């Protein structure tokens, strides 16, 4: 998998924009993982649902939504995966390590919303 750097090449943005596949979030954006029910076989660990993190990178290129694809509801829509950094203290309130410790995980775009603070 390729990772889109902070400074996107112009040609890459033009292509993704033309295909209506521009990432919803950018590097450095604050996001929150959605909480969904029922709790089933989804692509986000339960312990991260409702937690806040920061977009560290955008993983290129867009992929078919595998959750809707698995239920036969996908119309070929393609969205992005993001590498999100979650502070350990955001996940575990009693964490005693350093403030800079974090968990990094790839999260599909449909699981993220802007963290409005």
N, C-alpha and C. Protein backbone atom coordinates (compact mmCIF):
# COMPACT_ATOMS: atom_id res chain seq x y z
N UNK A 1 0.83 -1.18 0.00
CA UNK A 1 0.00 0.00 0.00
C UNK A 1 0.88 1.24 0.00
N UNK A 2 0.50 2.18 -0.82
CA UNK A 2 1.22 3.44 -0.85
C UNK A 2 0.60 4.40 0.14
N UNK A 3 1.38 5.31 0.61
CA UNK A 3 0.88 6.32 1.54
C UNK A 3 1.03 7.68 0.89
N UNK A 4 -0.06 8.46 0.89
CA UNK A 4 -0.01 9.80 0.31
C UNK A 4 0.68 10.72 1.32
N UNK A 5 1.77 11.37 0.93
CA UNK A 5 2.47 12.26 1.85
C UNK A 5 1.67 13.54 2.10
N UNK A 6 2.14 14.34 3.06
CA UNK A 6 1.45 15.60 3.39
C UNK A 6 1.29 16.49 2.17
N UNK A 7 2.31 16.55 1.35
CA UNK A 7 2.22 17.37 0.15
C UNK A 7 1.88 16.44 -1.01
N UNK A 8 0.65 16.51 -1.46
CA UNK A 8 0.19 15.63 -2.53
C UNK A 8 0.69 16.15 -3.88
N UNK A 9 1.17 15.25 -4.75
CA UNK A 9 1.51 15.70 -6.10
C UNK A 9 0.25 16.22 -6.79
N UNK A 10 0.37 17.30 -7.52
CA UNK A 10 -0.79 17.91 -8.17
C UNK A 10 -1.52 16.92 -9.06
N UNK A 11 -0.78 16.12 -9.83
CA UNK A 11 -1.43 15.17 -10.73
C UNK A 11 -2.28 14.17 -9.97
N UNK A 12 -1.87 13.78 -8.77
CA UNK A 12 -2.64 12.81 -7.99
C UNK A 12 -3.95 13.43 -7.52
N UNK A 13 -3.90 14.67 -7.05
CA UNK A 13 -5.13 15.33 -6.61
C UNK A 13 -6.08 15.55 -7.77
N UNK A 14 -5.55 15.88 -8.95
CA UNK A 14 -6.41 16.08 -10.12
C UNK A 14 -7.13 14.80 -10.50
N UNK A 15 -6.44 13.69 -10.46
CA UNK A 15 -7.04 12.41 -10.82
C UNK A 15 -8.10 12.02 -9.80
N UNK A 16 -7.77 12.08 -8.51
CA UNK A 16 -8.74 11.67 -7.50
C UNK A 16 -9.93 12.61 -7.49
N UNK A 17 -9.70 13.88 -7.73
CA UNK A 17 -10.80 14.84 -7.76
C UNK A 17 -11.72 14.54 -8.94
N UNK A 18 -11.15 14.22 -10.07
CA UNK A 18 -11.94 13.92 -11.26
C UNK A 18 -12.79 12.68 -11.06
N UNK A 19 -12.32 11.73 -10.28
CA UNK A 19 -13.06 10.50 -10.02
C UNK A 19 -13.98 10.64 -8.82
N UNK A 20 -14.06 11.84 -8.25
CA UNK A 20 -14.85 12.10 -7.04
C UNK A 20 -14.39 11.22 -5.88
N UNK A 21 -13.10 11.02 -5.80
CA UNK A 21 -12.54 10.17 -4.75
C UNK A 21 -11.54 10.94 -3.89
N UNK A 22 -11.76 12.21 -3.72
CA UNK A 22 -10.88 13.02 -2.87
C UNK A 22 -11.09 12.61 -1.42
N UNK A 23 -10.02 12.46 -0.64
CA UNK A 23 -10.17 12.07 0.77
C UNK A 23 -11.03 13.07 1.55
N UNK A 24 -11.86 12.57 2.43
CA UNK A 24 -12.72 13.42 3.26
C UNK A 24 -11.93 14.13 4.35
N UNK A 25 -10.79 13.55 4.75
CA UNK A 25 -9.98 14.11 5.82
C UNK A 25 -8.55 14.28 5.33
N UNK A 26 -7.84 15.22 5.95
CA UNK A 26 -6.45 15.45 5.59
C UNK A 26 -5.52 15.13 6.75
N UNK A 27 -4.25 15.05 6.45
CA UNK A 27 -3.24 14.80 7.48
C UNK A 27 -3.32 15.92 8.52
N UNK A 28 -3.35 15.53 9.79
CA UNK A 28 -3.44 16.49 10.89
C UNK A 28 -4.85 16.75 11.37
N UNK A 29 -5.86 16.30 10.61
CA UNK A 29 -7.25 16.51 11.03
C UNK A 29 -7.56 15.70 12.28
N UNK A 30 -8.37 16.28 13.16
CA UNK A 30 -8.84 15.58 14.35
C UNK A 30 -10.14 14.88 13.99
N UNK A 31 -10.20 13.58 14.31
CA UNK A 31 -11.36 12.77 13.96
C UNK A 31 -11.82 11.96 15.17
N UNK A 32 -13.04 11.47 15.07
CA UNK A 32 -13.60 10.58 16.10
C UNK A 32 -14.12 9.34 15.37
N UNK A 33 -13.91 8.18 15.99
CA UNK A 33 -14.43 6.93 15.44
C UNK A 33 -15.90 6.82 15.85
N UNK A 34 -16.74 6.50 14.88
CA UNK A 34 -18.17 6.37 15.15
C UNK A 34 -18.46 5.18 16.05
N UNK A 35 -19.57 5.25 16.75
CA UNK A 35 -20.06 4.13 17.56
C UNK A 35 -21.26 3.59 16.80
N UNK A 36 -21.19 2.31 16.41
CA UNK A 36 -22.27 1.71 15.63
C UNK A 36 -22.81 0.48 16.33
N UNK A 37 -24.09 0.24 16.10
CA UNK A 37 -24.75 -0.96 16.61
C UNK A 37 -25.51 -1.60 15.47
N UNK A 38 -25.68 -2.89 15.41
CA UNK A 38 -25.21 -3.82 16.43
C UNK A 38 -23.70 -4.01 16.32
N UNK A 39 -23.14 -4.52 17.39
CA UNK A 39 -21.72 -4.84 17.38
C UNK A 39 -21.59 -6.17 16.66
N UNK A 40 -21.03 -6.15 15.50
CA UNK A 40 -20.90 -7.36 14.71
C UNK A 40 -19.50 -7.44 14.14
N UNK A 41 -19.39 -8.06 13.01
CA UNK A 41 -18.10 -8.20 12.36
C UNK A 41 -17.83 -6.95 11.53
N UNK A 42 -17.26 -5.97 12.16
CA UNK A 42 -16.91 -4.73 11.49
C UNK A 42 -15.41 -4.53 11.58
N UNK A 43 -14.92 -3.56 10.84
CA UNK A 43 -13.48 -3.38 10.67
C UNK A 43 -12.81 -2.43 11.65
N UNK A 44 -13.46 -2.12 12.75
CA UNK A 44 -12.86 -1.23 13.75
C UNK A 44 -12.95 -1.91 15.11
N UNK A 45 -11.84 -1.98 15.84
CA UNK A 45 -11.89 -2.59 17.18
C UNK A 45 -12.88 -1.86 18.09
N UNK A 46 -13.60 -2.61 18.88
CA UNK A 46 -14.60 -2.04 19.78
C UNK A 46 -13.98 -1.00 20.71
N UNK A 47 -12.76 -1.25 21.18
CA UNK A 47 -12.14 -0.33 22.14
C UNK A 47 -11.82 1.04 21.54
N UNK A 48 -11.90 1.18 20.21
CA UNK A 48 -11.63 2.47 19.57
C UNK A 48 -12.91 3.24 19.23
N UNK A 49 -14.05 2.61 19.35
CA UNK A 49 -15.30 3.28 18.99
C UNK A 49 -15.58 4.43 19.95
N UNK A 50 -15.84 5.61 19.38
CA UNK A 50 -16.07 6.81 20.17
C UNK A 50 -14.80 7.55 20.57
N UNK A 51 -13.65 7.00 20.23
CA UNK A 51 -12.37 7.62 20.61
C UNK A 51 -11.90 8.64 19.57
N UNK A 52 -11.11 9.60 20.04
CA UNK A 52 -10.59 10.68 19.20
C UNK A 52 -9.13 10.43 18.85
N UNK A 53 -8.78 10.77 17.61
CA UNK A 53 -7.41 10.63 17.17
C UNK A 53 -7.09 11.67 16.11
N UNK A 54 -5.88 11.57 15.58
CA UNK A 54 -5.41 12.52 14.56
C UNK A 54 -4.99 11.73 13.33
N UNK A 55 -5.42 12.22 12.15
CA UNK A 55 -5.03 11.58 10.90
C UNK A 55 -3.53 11.76 10.71
N UNK A 56 -2.84 10.64 10.63
CA UNK A 56 -1.38 10.66 10.45
C UNK A 56 -1.01 10.55 8.98
N UNK A 57 -1.78 9.78 8.23
CA UNK A 57 -1.54 9.65 6.79
C UNK A 57 -2.79 9.10 6.11
N UNK A 58 -2.84 9.31 4.81
CA UNK A 58 -3.92 8.78 3.97
C UNK A 58 -3.31 7.64 3.18
N UNK A 59 -3.96 6.51 3.23
CA UNK A 59 -3.44 5.34 2.53
C UNK A 59 -4.04 5.32 1.13
N UNK A 60 -3.19 5.35 0.11
CA UNK A 60 -3.66 5.39 -1.27
C UNK A 60 -3.79 3.98 -1.80
N UNK A 61 -4.60 3.75 -2.68
CA UNK A 61 -5.63 4.60 -3.23
C UNK A 61 -6.97 4.16 -2.68
N UNK A 62 -8.09 4.77 -3.07
CA UNK A 62 -9.38 4.39 -2.50
C UNK A 62 -9.71 2.92 -2.75
N UNK A 63 -10.45 2.34 -1.82
CA UNK A 63 -10.84 0.93 -1.91
C UNK A 63 -12.35 0.79 -1.85
N UNK A 64 -12.84 -0.33 -2.35
CA UNK A 64 -14.26 -0.64 -2.25
C UNK A 64 -14.60 -0.85 -0.78
N UNK A 65 -15.75 -0.35 -0.37
CA UNK A 65 -16.22 -0.49 1.02
C UNK A 65 -16.49 -1.96 1.31
N UNK A 66 -15.57 -2.60 2.01
CA UNK A 66 -15.66 -4.05 2.24
C UNK A 66 -16.78 -4.45 3.18
N UNK A 67 -17.25 -3.55 4.02
CA UNK A 67 -18.36 -3.89 4.91
C UNK A 67 -19.66 -4.00 4.14
N UNK A 68 -19.95 -3.00 3.30
CA UNK A 68 -21.18 -3.08 2.51
C UNK A 68 -21.06 -4.14 1.42
N UNK A 69 -19.87 -4.33 0.91
CA UNK A 69 -19.63 -5.37 -0.10
C UNK A 69 -19.97 -6.75 0.46
N UNK A 70 -19.62 -6.99 1.72
CA UNK A 70 -19.88 -8.27 2.37
C UNK A 70 -21.36 -8.58 2.51
N UNK A 71 -22.19 -7.54 2.55
CA UNK A 71 -23.64 -7.73 2.66
C UNK A 71 -24.33 -7.57 1.31
N UNK A 72 -23.54 -7.42 0.24
CA UNK A 72 -24.10 -7.29 -1.10
C UNK A 72 -24.76 -5.95 -1.38
N UNK A 73 -24.38 -4.91 -0.61
CA UNK A 73 -25.01 -3.60 -0.76
C UNK A 73 -24.10 -2.58 -1.43
N UNK A 74 -22.98 -2.99 -1.96
CA UNK A 74 -22.04 -2.03 -2.50
C UNK A 74 -22.32 -1.75 -3.97
N UNK A 75 -22.31 -0.49 -4.30
CA UNK A 75 -22.49 -0.09 -5.70
C UNK A 75 -21.16 0.30 -6.32
N UNK A 76 -20.08 -0.22 -5.77
CA UNK A 76 -18.76 0.09 -6.30
C UNK A 76 -18.15 1.36 -5.75
N UNK A 77 -18.75 1.91 -4.68
CA UNK A 77 -18.19 3.14 -4.11
C UNK A 77 -16.81 2.86 -3.54
N UNK A 78 -15.92 3.82 -3.70
CA UNK A 78 -14.55 3.67 -3.22
C UNK A 78 -14.26 4.81 -2.26
N UNK A 79 -13.72 4.46 -1.11
CA UNK A 79 -13.37 5.45 -0.10
C UNK A 79 -11.96 5.17 0.41
N UNK A 80 -11.46 6.05 1.24
CA UNK A 80 -10.07 5.96 1.72
C UNK A 80 -9.94 5.29 3.08
N UNK A 81 -8.75 4.74 3.28
CA UNK A 81 -8.30 4.31 4.60
C UNK A 81 -7.36 5.39 5.11
N UNK A 82 -7.36 5.57 6.43
CA UNK A 82 -6.50 6.56 7.06
C UNK A 82 -5.73 5.90 8.19
N UNK A 83 -4.48 6.28 8.35
CA UNK A 83 -3.74 5.85 9.54
C UNK A 83 -4.00 6.91 10.60
N UNK A 84 -4.62 6.47 11.70
CA UNK A 84 -5.01 7.37 12.77
C UNK A 84 -4.15 7.08 14.00
N UNK A 85 -3.65 8.14 14.63
CA UNK A 85 -2.89 8.01 15.88
C UNK A 85 -3.82 8.35 17.03
N UNK A 86 -3.97 7.41 17.96
CA UNK A 86 -4.80 7.60 19.15
C UNK A 86 -3.89 7.66 20.37
N UNK A 87 -3.93 8.74 21.14
CA UNK A 87 -3.15 8.77 22.39
C UNK A 87 -3.60 7.63 23.30
N UNK A 88 -2.66 6.99 23.95
CA UNK A 88 -3.00 5.87 24.85
C UNK A 88 -3.97 6.32 25.94
N UNK A 89 -3.82 7.56 26.40
CA UNK A 89 -4.71 8.06 27.46
C UNK A 89 -6.13 8.28 26.95
N UNK A 90 -6.31 8.43 25.65
CA UNK A 90 -7.65 8.53 25.07
C UNK A 90 -8.34 7.16 25.11
N UNK A 91 -7.56 6.11 24.94
CA UNK A 91 -8.12 4.76 24.92
C UNK A 91 -8.28 4.20 26.32
N UNK A 92 -7.25 4.36 27.14
CA UNK A 92 -7.26 3.84 28.51
C UNK A 92 -6.98 4.99 29.47
N UNK A 93 -7.98 5.45 30.17
CA UNK A 93 -7.85 6.63 31.04
C UNK A 93 -6.84 6.44 32.17
N UNK A 94 -6.59 5.20 32.57
CA UNK A 94 -5.64 4.95 33.66
C UNK A 94 -4.24 4.60 33.15
N UNK A 95 -3.96 4.87 31.88
CA UNK A 95 -2.65 4.57 31.31
C UNK A 95 -1.58 5.39 32.01
N UNK A 96 -0.48 4.73 32.41
CA UNK A 96 0.56 5.42 33.20
C UNK A 96 1.86 5.67 32.42
N UNK A 97 1.88 5.38 31.14
CA UNK A 97 3.07 5.62 30.34
C UNK A 97 3.23 7.09 30.02
N UNK A 98 4.10 7.39 29.07
CA UNK A 98 4.35 8.78 28.70
C UNK A 98 3.19 9.35 27.87
N UNK A 99 3.06 10.65 27.88
CA UNK A 99 2.00 11.33 27.13
C UNK A 99 2.14 11.17 25.62
N UNK A 100 3.33 10.82 25.17
CA UNK A 100 3.55 10.68 23.72
C UNK A 100 3.23 9.28 23.21
N UNK A 101 2.96 8.33 24.09
CA UNK A 101 2.62 6.98 23.65
C UNK A 101 1.28 6.99 22.92
N UNK A 102 1.21 6.22 21.83
CA UNK A 102 -0.04 6.18 21.06
C UNK A 102 -0.19 4.85 20.34
N UNK A 103 -1.40 4.60 19.90
CA UNK A 103 -1.73 3.43 19.08
C UNK A 103 -2.03 3.97 17.69
N UNK A 104 -1.49 3.31 16.68
CA UNK A 104 -1.76 3.70 15.30
C UNK A 104 -2.48 2.55 14.60
N UNK A 105 -3.56 2.89 13.92
CA UNK A 105 -4.35 1.86 13.25
C UNK A 105 -4.97 2.47 11.99
N UNK A 106 -5.18 1.62 10.99
CA UNK A 106 -5.84 2.07 9.77
C UNK A 106 -7.35 1.94 9.96
N UNK A 107 -8.06 3.02 9.65
CA UNK A 107 -9.52 3.06 9.82
C UNK A 107 -10.14 3.50 8.50
N UNK A 108 -11.21 2.82 8.11
CA UNK A 108 -11.91 3.13 6.87
C UNK A 108 -12.72 4.41 7.02
N UNK A 109 -12.81 5.18 5.96
CA UNK A 109 -13.44 6.50 5.98
C UNK A 109 -14.87 6.49 6.54
N UNK A 110 -15.63 5.45 6.28
CA UNK A 110 -17.02 5.40 6.75
C UNK A 110 -17.14 5.32 8.26
N UNK A 111 -16.04 5.03 8.94
CA UNK A 111 -16.04 4.93 10.40
C UNK A 111 -15.63 6.23 11.07
N UNK A 112 -15.30 7.26 10.31
CA UNK A 112 -14.76 8.49 10.89
C UNK A 112 -15.69 9.68 10.72
N UNK A 113 -15.64 10.57 11.70
CA UNK A 113 -16.32 11.85 11.60
C UNK A 113 -15.37 12.92 12.13
N UNK A 114 -15.60 14.15 11.72
CA UNK A 114 -14.79 15.26 12.19
C UNK A 114 -15.00 15.43 13.69
N UNK A 115 -13.91 15.65 14.42
CA UNK A 115 -14.00 15.91 15.86
C UNK A 115 -14.20 17.40 16.04
N UNK A 116 -15.42 17.79 16.29
CA UNK A 116 -15.76 19.21 16.41
C UNK A 116 -15.34 19.81 17.74
N UNK A 117 -14.82 19.01 18.63
CA UNK A 117 -14.39 19.41 19.97
C UNK A 117 -15.56 19.94 20.72
